[in-house]
C-alpha atoms as a PDB file:
ATOM      1  CA  MET A   1      30.262   4.542 -32.809  1.00  0.00           C
ATOM      2  CA  ALA A   2      27.591   6.536 -31.075  1.00  0.00           C
ATOM      3  CA  ASN A   3      28.266   7.353 -27.161  1.00  0.00           C
ATOM      4  CA  GLU A   4      26.205   5.509 -24.737  1.00  0.00           C
ATOM      5  CA  CYS A   5      25.219   8.751 -22.784  1.00  0.00           C
ATOM      6  CA  THR A   6      23.152   9.541 -26.389  1.00  0.00           C
ATOM      7  CA  THR A   7      19.729   8.126 -27.653  1.00  0.00           C
ATOM      8  CA  GLN A   8      19.261   6.650 -30.740  1.00  0.00           C
ATOM      9  CA  SER A   9      17.981  10.233 -32.134  1.00  0.00           C
ATOM     10  CA  GLY A  10      21.256  11.938 -31.245  1.00  0.00           C
ATOM     11  CA  GLY A  11      19.499  13.181 -27.789  1.00  0.00           C
ATOM     12  CA  ILE A  12      21.146  13.816 -24.677  1.00  0.00           C
ATOM     13  CA  HIS A  13      19.833  10.641 -22.320  1.00  0.00           C
ATOM     14  CA  PRO A  14      18.532  12.201 -19.769  1.00  0.00           C
ATOM     15  CA  LEU A  15      20.283   9.852 -17.021  1.00  0.00           C
ATOM     16  CA  ALA A  16      23.693   9.434 -18.463  1.00  0.00           C
ATOM     17  CA  CYS A  17      25.317  12.822 -16.777  1.00  0.00           C
ATOM     18  CA  SER A  18      28.588  11.251 -15.945  1.00  0.00           C
ATOM     19  CA  SER A  19      30.766   8.310 -16.909  1.00  0.00           C
ATOM     20  CA  GLY A  20      30.196   7.097 -13.382  1.00  0.00           C
ATOM     21  CA  GLU A  21      26.259   6.348 -14.422  1.00  0.00           C
ATOM     22  CA  VAL A  22      26.915   4.686 -18.020  1.00  0.00           C
ATOM     23  CA  LYS A  23      26.082   1.252 -16.757  1.00  0.00           C
ATOM     24  CA  LEU A  24      23.806   1.938 -14.322  1.00  0.00           C
ATOM     25  CA  VAL A  25      21.776   3.478 -17.330  1.00  0.00           C
ATOM     26  CA  SER A  26      22.466   0.711 -19.546  1.00  0.00           C
ATOM     27  CA  TYR A  27      21.510  -1.874 -16.643  1.00  0.00           C
ATOM     28  CA  ILE A  28      18.286   0.282 -16.363  1.00  0.00           C
ATOM     29  CA  ARG A  29      17.388  -0.118 -19.837  1.00  0.00           C
ATOM     30  CA  LEU A  30      17.976  -4.039 -20.178  1.00  0.00           C
ATOM     31  CA  LEU A  31      16.221  -4.345 -17.010  1.00  0.00           C
ATOM     32  CA  PHE A  32      12.823  -2.746 -18.270  1.00  0.00           C
ATOM     33  CA  THR A  33      13.010  -3.407 -21.909  1.00  0.00           C
ATOM     34  CA  LEU A  34      12.222  -7.146 -21.206  1.00  0.00           C
ATOM     35  CA  ASP A  35       9.061  -6.398 -19.309  1.00  0.00           C
ATOM     36  CA  LEU A  36       5.550  -5.476 -20.805  1.00  0.00           C
ATOM     37  CA  PHE A  37       5.275  -2.483 -19.216  1.00  0.00           C
ATOM     38  CA  SER A  38       8.683  -1.255 -20.399  1.00  0.00           C
ATOM     39  CA  VAL A  39       7.589   2.035 -21.552  1.00  0.00           C
ATOM     40  CA  LYS A  40       5.824   3.578 -18.801  1.00  0.00           C
ATOM     41  CA  LYS A  41       8.353   2.130 -16.088  1.00  0.00           C
ATOM     42  CA  LEU A  42      11.238   3.097 -17.916  1.00  0.00           C
ATOM     43  CA  THR A  43       9.758   6.773 -18.047  1.00  0.00           C
ATOM     44  CA  MET A  44       9.300   6.619 -14.300  1.00  0.00           C
ATOM     45  CA  ILE A  45      12.789   5.621 -13.373  1.00  0.00           C
ATOM     46  CA  ARG A  46      14.081   7.842 -15.024  1.00  0.00           C
ATOM     47  CA  THR A  47      12.422  10.966 -13.787  1.00  0.00           C
ATOM     48  CA  SER A  48      12.920   9.340 -10.389  1.00  0.00           C
ATOM     49  CA  LEU A  49      16.567   8.479 -10.545  1.00  0.00           C
ATOM     50  CA  ARG A  50      17.574  11.744 -12.412  1.00  0.00           C
ATOM     51  CA  ARG A  51      16.725  13.740  -9.301  1.00  0.00           C
ATOM     52  CA  GLN A  52      18.645  11.468  -6.776  1.00  0.00           C
ATOM     53  CA  PRO A  53      22.532  11.303  -5.907  1.00  0.00           C
ATOM     54  CA  LEU A  54      24.266   8.550  -6.888  1.00  0.00           C
ATOM     55  CA  TYR A  55      24.188   6.309  -4.233  1.00  0.00           C
ATOM     56  CA  ALA A  56      20.251   6.476  -4.222  1.00  0.00           C
ATOM     57  CA  GLN A  57      20.282   5.183  -7.818  1.00  0.00           C
ATOM     58  CA  ILE A  58      22.605   2.089  -6.809  1.00  0.00           C
ATOM     59  CA  LYS A  59      20.414   1.482  -3.626  1.00  0.00           C
ATOM     60  CA  SER A  60      17.407   1.652  -6.272  1.00  0.00           C
ATOM     61  CA  VAL A  61      19.335  -0.825  -8.655  1.00  0.00           C
ATOM     62  CA  LEU A  62      20.163  -3.350  -6.031  1.00  0.00           C
ATOM     63  CA  LEU A  63      16.191  -3.091  -4.781  1.00  0.00           C
ATOM     64  CA  GLN A  64      15.430  -3.712  -8.449  1.00  0.00           C
ATOM     65  CA  ARG A  65      17.674  -6.426  -8.471  1.00  0.00           C
ATOM     66  CA  ILE A  66      16.722  -8.171  -5.035  1.00  0.00           C
ATOM     67  CA  GLY A  67      12.960  -7.662  -5.885  1.00  0.00           C
ATOM     68  CA  ASP A  68      13.637  -9.652  -9.392  1.00  0.00           C
ATOM     69  CA  GLY A  69      15.392 -12.584  -7.484  1.00  0.00           C
ATOM     70  CA  GLU A  70      18.953 -12.088  -8.686  1.00  0.00           C
ATOM     71  CA  TRP A  71      19.645 -13.061  -5.249  1.00  0.00           C
ATOM     72  CA  PRO A  72      16.757 -14.779  -3.166  1.00  0.00           C
ATOM     73  CA  ALA A  73      16.642 -14.548   0.696  1.00  0.00           C
ATOM     74  CA  THR A  74      19.934 -15.259   2.968  1.00  0.00           C
ATOM     75  CA  GLN A  75      22.077 -15.277  -0.094  1.00  0.00           C
ATOM     76  CA  ALA A  76      25.118 -13.614   0.015  1.00  0.00           C
ATOM     77  CA  LEU A  77      25.611 -10.481  -2.672  1.00  0.00           C
ATOM     78  CA  PRO A  78      28.839  -9.980  -4.876  1.00  0.00           C
ATOM     79  CA  SER A  79      31.319  -8.043  -2.169  1.00  0.00           C
ATOM     80  CA  GLU A  80      31.698  -3.981  -2.359  1.00  0.00           C
ATOM     81  CA  TRP A  81      34.415  -4.390  -5.093  1.00  0.00           C
ATOM     82  CA  ASP A  82      32.789  -6.275  -7.402  1.00  0.00           C
ATOM     83  CA  LEU A  83      29.544  -4.122  -7.237  1.00  0.00           C
ATOM     84  CA  ALA A  84      31.449  -1.230  -7.417  1.00  0.00           C
ATOM     85  CA  ALA A  85      33.138  -2.754 -11.308  1.00  0.00           C
ATOM     86  CA  GLN A  86      29.696  -4.136 -12.192  1.00  0.00           C
ATOM     87  CA  LEU A  87      27.998  -0.383 -12.013  1.00  0.00           C
ATOM     88  CA  ASP A  88      31.074   1.237 -12.925  1.00  0.00           C
ATOM     89  CA  VAL A  89      31.061   3.630  -9.394  1.00  0.00           C
ATOM     90  CA  SER A  90      33.151   3.828  -6.218  1.00  0.00           C
ATOM     91  CA  GLN A  91      33.204   1.411  -3.355  1.00  0.00           C
ATOM     92  CA  GLY A  92      32.302   4.013  -0.932  1.00  0.00           C
ATOM     93  CA  THR A  93      29.376   4.969  -2.945  1.00  0.00           C
ATOM     94  CA  VAL A  94      28.438   0.994  -3.342  1.00  0.00           C
ATOM     95  CA  ARG A  95      29.130   0.773   0.885  1.00  0.00           C
ATOM     96  CA  LYS A  96      26.660   3.884   1.626  1.00  0.00           C
ATOM     97  CA  ALA A  97      24.012   2.397  -0.799  1.00  0.00           C
ATOM     98  CA  LEU A  98      24.168  -1.183   0.990  1.00  0.00           C
ATOM     99  CA  SER A  99      24.578   0.496   4.341  1.00  0.00           C
ATOM    100  CA  GLU A 100      20.795   1.970   3.575  1.00  0.00           C
ATOM    101  CA  LEU A 101      19.371  -1.413   2.803  1.00  0.00           C
ATOM    102  CA  VAL A 102      20.724  -2.767   5.820  1.00  0.00           C
ATOM    103  CA  THR A 103      18.699  -0.125   8.177  1.00  0.00           C
ATOM    104  CA  ASP A 104      15.654  -0.767   6.091  1.00  0.00           C
ATOM    105  CA  GLY A 105      15.791  -4.265   6.868  1.00  0.00           C
ATOM    106  CA  VAL A 106      16.100  -5.401   3.199  1.00  0.00           C
ATOM    107  CA  LEU A 107      19.630  -7.104   3.951  1.00  0.00           C
ATOM    108  CA  PHE A 108      21.761  -7.957   6.679  1.00  0.00           C
ATOM    109  CA  ARG A 109      25.448  -8.223   7.576  1.00  0.00           C
ATOM    110  CA  GLN A 110      27.696 -11.272   9.391  1.00  0.00           C
ATOM    111  CA  GLN A 111      30.663  -9.940  10.657  1.00  0.00           C
ATOM    112  CA  GLY A 112      33.443 -11.656   8.199  1.00  0.00           C
ATOM    113  CA  ARG A 113      31.376 -13.330   5.970  1.00  0.00           C
ATOM    114  CA  GLY A 114      29.267 -10.710   4.013  1.00  0.00           C
ATOM    115  CA  THR A 115      26.410  -9.015   3.299  1.00  0.00           C
ATOM    116  CA  PHE A 116      22.767 -10.995   2.705  1.00  0.00           C
ATOM    117  CA  VAL A 117      19.384 -10.774   1.646  1.00  0.00           C
ATOM    118  CA  ALA A 118      16.977 -10.384   4.484  1.00  0.00           C
ATOM    119  CA  ASP A 119      13.736 -12.635   4.369  1.00  0.00           C
ATOM    120  CA  VAL A 120      10.844 -11.320   2.985  1.00  0.00           C
ATOM    121  CA  ALA A 121       8.201 -10.697   5.845  1.00  0.00           C
ATOM    122  CA  SER A 122       5.140 -13.371   5.754  1.00  0.00           C
ATOM    123  CA  ASP A 123       1.668 -12.140   5.043  1.00  0.00           C
ATOM    124  CA  TRP A 124       0.803 -13.600   8.707  1.00  0.00           C
ATOM    125  CA  GLY A 125       2.918 -11.382  10.186  1.00  0.00           C
ATOM    126  CA  GLU A 126       4.254 -11.471  13.894  1.00  0.00           C
ATOM    127  CA  GLY A 127       1.368 -13.103  15.949  1.00  0.00           C
ATOM    128  CA  SER A 128       0.362 -16.796  16.351  1.00  0.00           C
ATOM    129  CA  LEU A 129      -2.226 -18.922  17.264  1.00  0.00           C
ATOM    130  CA  VAL A 130      -1.898 -21.467  20.320  1.00  0.00           C
ATOM    131  CA  THR A 131      -3.888 -23.289  22.351  1.00  0.00           C
ATOM    132  CA  PRO A 132      -5.553 -21.434  24.877  1.00  0.00           C
ATOM    133  CA  GLY A 133      -3.912 -21.791  28.147  1.00  0.00           C
ATOM    134  CA  LEU A 134      -0.310 -23.154  27.035  1.00  0.00           C
ATOM    135  CA  PHE A 135       2.443 -20.421  27.278  1.00  0.00           C
ATOM    136  CA  ASN A 136       5.139 -22.130  26.401  1.00  0.00           C
ATOM    137  CA  GLU A 137       3.613 -24.312  23.280  1.00  0.00           C
ATOM    138  CA  THR A 138       5.575 -23.793  19.865  1.00  0.00           C
ATOM    139  CA  PRO A 139       3.111 -22.218  17.404  1.00  0.00           C
ATOM    140  CA  ASP A 140       2.392 -24.577  14.178  1.00  0.00           C
ATOM    141  CA  ARG A 141       2.943 -23.364  10.918  1.00  0.00           C
ATOM    142  CA  MET A 142       0.124 -21.518   9.487  1.00  0.00           C
ATOM    143  CA  ALA A 143      -0.778 -22.733   5.255  1.00  0.00           C
ATOM    144  CA  LEU A 144      -1.811 -19.834   3.110  1.00  0.00           C
ATOM    145  CA  GLU A 145      -4.401 -20.154   0.628  1.00  0.00           C
ATOM    146  CA  LEU A 146      -5.487 -18.041  -2.332  1.00  0.00           C
ATOM    147  CA  LEU A 147      -8.696 -17.304  -2.698  1.00  0.00           C
ATOM    148  CA  GLY A 148      -9.237 -14.366  -5.520  1.00  0.00           C
ATOM    149  CA  CYS A 149      -8.298 -10.695  -6.507  1.00  0.00           C
ATOM    150  CA  SER A 150     -10.486  -8.452  -7.561  1.00  0.00           C
ATOM    151  CA  ARG A 151     -11.100  -4.788  -7.725  1.00  0.00           C
ATOM    152  CA  VAL A 152     -13.114  -2.647  -4.832  1.00  0.00           C
ATOM    153  CA  ASN A 153     -13.456   1.415  -4.339  1.00  0.00           C
ATOM    154  CA  ALA A 154     -11.567   2.864  -1.438  1.00  0.00           C
ATOM    155  CA  THR A 155     -14.452   3.359   1.784  1.00  0.00           C
ATOM    156  CA  GLU A 156     -13.618   6.388   3.653  1.00  0.00           C
ATOM    157  CA  ASN A 157     -11.516   4.721   6.533  1.00  0.00           C
ATOM    158  CA  VAL A 158      -9.416   2.856   4.038  1.00  0.00           C
ATOM    159  CA  ALA A 159      -8.524   5.828   1.616  1.00  0.00           C
ATOM    160  CA  HIS A 160      -7.492   7.892   4.682  1.00  0.00           C
ATOM    161  CA  ALA A 161      -5.272   4.981   5.807  1.00  0.00           C
ATOM    162  CA  LEU A 162      -3.689   4.743   2.432  1.00  0.00           C
ATOM    163  CA  GLY A 163      -3.302   8.280   2.190  1.00  0.00           C
ATOM    164  CA  VAL A 164      -5.789   7.800  -1.440  1.00  0.00           C
ATOM    165  CA  ARG A 165      -8.999   9.606  -2.551  1.00  0.00           C
ATOM    166  CA  ARG A 166     -12.406   7.789  -1.418  1.00  0.00           C
ATOM    167  CA  GLY A 167     -13.588   5.697  -4.306  1.00  0.00           C
ATOM    168  CA  GLU A 168     -10.318   5.303  -5.528  1.00  0.00           C
ATOM    169  CA  ALA A 169      -9.610   1.760  -7.120  1.00  0.00           C
ATOM    170  CA  LEU A 170      -7.902  -0.916  -4.942  1.00  0.00           C
ATOM    171  CA  ILE A 171      -6.582  -3.986  -5.660  1.00  0.00           C
ATOM    172  CA  ARG A 172      -8.282  -6.807  -3.331  1.00  0.00           C
ATOM    173  CA  VAL A 173      -5.980  -9.764  -2.373  1.00  0.00           C
ATOM    174  CA  ARG A 174      -8.788 -12.518  -0.387  1.00  0.00           C
ATOM    175  CA  GLN A 175      -6.793 -15.310   1.235  1.00  0.00           C
ATOM    176  CA  LEU A 176      -7.320 -18.378   3.571  1.00  0.00           C
ATOM    177  CA  TRP A 177      -5.260 -19.279   6.570  1.00  0.00           C
ATOM    178  CA  ARG A 178      -5.295 -22.692   7.640  1.00  0.00           C
ATOM    179  CA  LEU A 179      -4.177 -24.097  11.065  1.00  0.00           C
ATOM    180  CA  ARG A 180      -3.371 -28.255  11.139  1.00  0.00           C
ATOM    181  CA  GLY A 181      -6.123 -28.372   7.673  1.00  0.00           C
ATOM    182  CA  MET A 182      -8.674 -26.513   9.428  1.00  0.00           C
ATOM    183  CA  ALA A 183      -9.465 -22.974   8.440  1.00  0.00           C
ATOM    184  CA  VAL A 184      -9.147 -20.273  10.818  1.00  0.00           C
ATOM    185  CA  ALA A 185      -8.585 -16.538   9.612  1.00  0.00           C
ATOM    186  CA  LEU A 186      -9.484 -14.549   6.459  1.00  0.00           C
ATOM    187  CA  ASP A 187      -7.867 -12.092   5.232  1.00  0.00           C
ATOM    188  CA  ASP A 188      -9.075  -9.139   2.879  1.00  0.00           C
ATOM    189  CA  ALA A 189      -5.787  -7.027   1.394  1.00  0.00           C
ATOM    190  CA  LEU A 190      -6.022  -3.756   0.082  1.00  0.00           C
ATOM    191  CA  LEU A 191      -3.688  -2.111  -2.162  1.00  0.00           C
ATOM    192  CA  PRO A 192      -3.661   1.046  -4.700  1.00  0.00           C
ATOM    193  CA  ALA A 193      -4.350  -0.160  -7.748  1.00  0.00           C
ATOM    194  CA  GLU A 194      -2.800   2.631  -9.600  1.00  0.00           C
ATOM    195  CA  THR A 195       0.322   2.503  -7.798  1.00  0.00           C
ATOM    196  CA  TYR A 196       0.528  -1.709  -8.110  1.00  0.00           C
ATOM    197  CA  GLU A 197      -0.815  -1.888 -11.963  1.00  0.00           C
ATOM    198  CA  GLY A 198      -0.265  -5.514 -12.951  1.00  0.00           C
ATOM    199  CA  LEU A 199      -0.855  -7.187  -9.694  1.00  0.00           C
ATOM    200  CA  ASP A 200      -3.113  -9.911 -10.209  1.00  0.00           C
ATOM    201  CA  ALA A 201      -3.835 -13.552  -8.511  1.00  0.00           C
ATOM    202  CA  ARG A 202      -1.224 -14.818 -11.710  1.00  0.00           C
ATOM    203  CA  TRP A 203       1.927 -13.002 -10.069  1.00  0.00           C
ATOM    204  CA  ILE A 204       0.377 -13.518  -6.188  1.00  0.00           C
ATOM    205  CA  ARG A 205       0.056 -17.857  -7.110  1.00  0.00           C
ATOM    206  CA  GLN A 206       3.505 -17.605  -8.515  1.00  0.00           C
ATOM    207  CA  CYS A 207       4.647 -16.311  -5.161  1.00  0.00           C
ATOM    208  CA  GLY A 208       2.830 -19.388  -2.976  1.00  0.00           C
ATOM    209  CA  GLY A 209       0.056 -16.515  -2.691  1.00  0.00           C
ATOM    210  CA  GLY A 210       2.051 -14.052  -0.715  1.00  0.00           C
ATOM    211  CA  VAL A 211       1.311 -10.349  -1.326  1.00  0.00           C
ATOM    212  CA  TYR A 212       4.644  -9.238   0.470  1.00  0.00           C
ATOM    213  CA  ILE A 213       6.703 -11.331  -1.565  1.00  0.00           C
ATOM    214  CA  ALA A 214       4.512 -10.745  -4.834  1.00  0.00           C
ATOM    215  CA  LEU A 215       5.199  -6.717  -4.139  1.00  0.00           C
ATOM    216  CA  GLN A 216       8.988  -7.208  -3.452  1.00  0.00           C
ATOM    217  CA  ARG A 217       9.693  -9.838  -6.864  1.00  0.00           C
ATOM    218  CA  ARG A 218       6.879  -7.371  -8.893  1.00  0.00           C
ATOM    219  CA  PHE A 219       7.716  -3.661  -7.720  1.00  0.00           C
ATOM    220  CA  GLY A 220      10.876  -4.050  -5.484  1.00  0.00           C
ATOM    221  CA  VAL A 221       8.774  -3.102  -2.382  1.00  0.00           C
ATOM    222  CA  ARG A 222       9.268  -4.733   0.910  1.00  0.00           C
ATOM    223  CA  PRO A 223       6.389  -3.972   3.298  1.00  0.00           C
ATOM    224  CA  ARG A 224       6.776  -3.603   6.508  1.00  0.00           C
ATOM    225  CA  ILE A 225       3.984  -3.444   9.689  1.00  0.00           C
ATOM    226  CA  VAL A 226       3.839  -0.125  10.939  1.00  0.00           C
ATOM    227  CA  GLY A 227       0.220  -0.239  13.303  1.00  0.00           C
ATOM    228  CA  GLU A 228      -1.916  -3.157  14.157  1.00  0.00           C
ATOM    229  CA  GLN A 229      -5.326  -3.074  15.862  1.00  0.00           C
ATOM    230  CA  LEU A 230      -7.545  -5.652  17.432  1.00  0.00           C
ATOM    231  CA  ARG A 231     -11.130  -5.548  18.345  1.00  0.00           C
ATOM    232  CA  ALA A 232     -14.229  -8.031  18.692  1.00  0.00           C
ATOM    233  CA  MET A 233     -16.518  -8.118  16.201  1.00  0.00           C
ATOM    234  CA  ILE A 234     -19.702 -10.732  14.451  1.00  0.00           C
ATOM    235  CA  LEU A 235     -19.061 -12.220  11.791  1.00  0.00           C
ATOM    236  CA  ALA A 236     -21.025 -11.587   8.929  1.00  0.00           C
ATOM    237  CA  ARG A 237     -22.688 -14.467   6.414  1.00  0.00           C
ATOM    238  CA  GLU A 238     -20.479 -14.040   3.317  1.00  0.00           C
ATOM    239  CA  GLU A 239     -17.224 -14.173   5.892  1.00  0.00           C
ATOM    240  CA  ALA A 240     -18.492 -17.138   7.882  1.00  0.00           C
ATOM    241  CA  GLY A 241     -19.472 -19.021   4.662  1.00  0.00           C
ATOM    242  CA  MET A 242     -15.442 -18.804   3.706  1.00  0.00           C
ATOM    243  CA  LEU A 243     -14.738 -20.162   7.381  1.00  0.00           C
ATOM    244  CA  GLY A 244     -16.822 -22.963   6.777  1.00  0.00           C
ATOM    245  CA  VAL A 245     -18.656 -21.629  10.432  1.00  0.00           C
ATOM    246  CA  GLN A 246     -22.162 -20.434  11.166  1.00  0.00           C
ATOM    247  CA  PRO A 247     -22.556 -16.619  11.259  1.00  0.00           C
ATOM    248  CA  ASP A 248     -23.237 -14.186  13.644  1.00  0.00           C
ATOM    249  CA  VAL A 249     -20.519 -15.656  16.302  1.00  0.00           C
ATOM    250  CA  ALA A 250     -17.742 -13.479  17.580  1.00  0.00           C
ATOM    251  CA  VAL A 251     -14.510 -13.385  16.061  1.00  0.00           C
ATOM    252  CA  LEU A 252     -11.370 -11.273  16.434  1.00  0.00           C
ATOM    253  CA  SER A 253     -10.723  -8.407  14.225  1.00  0.00           C
ATOM    254  CA  LEU A 254      -7.096  -7.185  13.402  1.00  0.00           C
ATOM    255  CA  LEU A 255      -6.485  -4.349  11.020  1.00  0.00           C
ATOM    256  CA  ARG A 256      -3.117  -3.829   9.742  1.00  0.00           C
ATOM    257  CA  LEU A 257      -1.451  -0.973   8.321  1.00  0.00           C
ATOM    258  CA  SER A 258       1.968  -1.902   6.402  1.00  0.00           C
ATOM    259  CA  ALA A 259       4.253   0.728   4.851  1.00  0.00           C
ATOM    260  CA  ASN A 260       7.428   0.875   2.550  1.00  0.00           C
ATOM    261  CA  MET A 261      10.857   1.253   3.476  1.00  0.00           C
ATOM    262  CA  ASP A 262       9.967   5.224   3.184  1.00  0.00           C
ATOM    263  CA  GLY A 263       7.277   5.234   5.384  1.00  0.00           C
ATOM    264  CA  LYS A 264       4.200   5.415   2.290  1.00  0.00           C
ATOM    265  CA  PRO A 265       1.321   3.236   3.192  1.00  0.00           C
ATOM    266  CA  VAL A 266       1.135   0.058   0.818  1.00  0.00           C
ATOM    267  CA  GLU A 267      -1.403  -1.884   2.337  1.00  0.00           C
ATOM    268  CA  TRP A 268      -4.679  -2.008   4.383  1.00  0.00           C
ATOM    269  CA  ARG A 269      -5.571  -5.523   5.592  1.00  0.00           C
ATOM    270  CA  GLN A 270      -8.347  -7.236   8.075  1.00  0.00           C
ATOM    271  CA  ARG A 271      -7.989 -10.257   9.171  1.00  0.00           C
ATOM    272  CA  ILE A 272     -10.674 -12.279  10.799  1.00  0.00           C
ATOM    273  CA  CYS A 273     -10.026 -14.872  13.150  1.00  0.00           C
ATOM    274  CA  LEU A 274     -11.651 -18.048  14.778  1.00  0.00           C
ATOM    275  CA  THR A 275     -10.667 -18.159  18.119  1.00  0.00           C
ATOM    276  CA  SER A 276     -13.038 -20.382  19.847  1.00  0.00           C
ATOM    277  CA  ASP A 277     -10.439 -22.852  20.207  1.00  0.00           C
ATOM    278  CA  VAL A 278      -7.528 -20.992  19.948  1.00  0.00           C
ATOM    279  CA  ALA A 279      -5.861 -18.083  21.272  1.00  0.00           C
ATOM    280  CA  TYR A 280      -4.210 -15.148  19.302  1.00  0.00           C
ATOM    281  CA  THR A 281      -0.759 -14.065  20.744  1.00  0.00           C
ATOM    282  CA  THR A 282       2.414 -12.181  19.515  1.00  0.00           C
ATOM    283  CA  ASN A 283       5.936 -12.635  19.777  1.00  0.00           C
ATOM    284  CA  SER A 284       6.352 -10.239  22.132  1.00  0.00           C
ATOM    285  CA  THR A 285       4.394 -11.838  24.748  1.00  0.00           C
ATOM    286  CA  ARG A 286       5.849 -15.420  24.069  1.00  0.00           C
END
């Protein structure tokens, strides 16, 4: 019978260097064989994981399984012993991988209950729109609507923020936000097209129109906000039409940069908020 550490042609599998990695390799092979982009992804994951210590490989596999929805938000993961048995590694290896995912905000622990998957951050972020002057008001939930997904070229400022070349292809996701049925904000989210090949409107709609949850489920990436800037600007005609208001009025512009858990920028976003009837506030000030 063929050894699991060899390929069908008899060569040594580039990842299966020890018995502790055999089940890990089998899982990776099965996971990506079922994907339309399996050849490209499997080559990338082999090259990446081969250079990592075993606990980091386990962390990557757990993150991928979470991204695939095997354990939804707030659901408990199997015990450290069960995960160790599944992946044929030591409990200490699993514990170290889980601890890093807790530090990254992907998981959280509850004493005596176990380790759970943390909620994916909303595309809206931490801010809220409230009635001006009412400081104790509970903000209403924002409703998200996906308007479209297209390709654009990176401007100099966006390229610098994302760490890509000027003119590089980006995926642009345009979203409309409603408050009590009224359009109040318009988002343009820009992501490197090469990094997130395959991210399209179909995938985003399946995730409720949210970019962040689509990135987790499709690529195993959990974005976190690393910077925001606010300024006033004059509303352009195109954006005014989408928001259903007259152009040339003053609006609030929010620029946001989000990164993955390793600190690499993954998304540049601009939000335009109508603030004639509402005020923008952050959770830290409420």
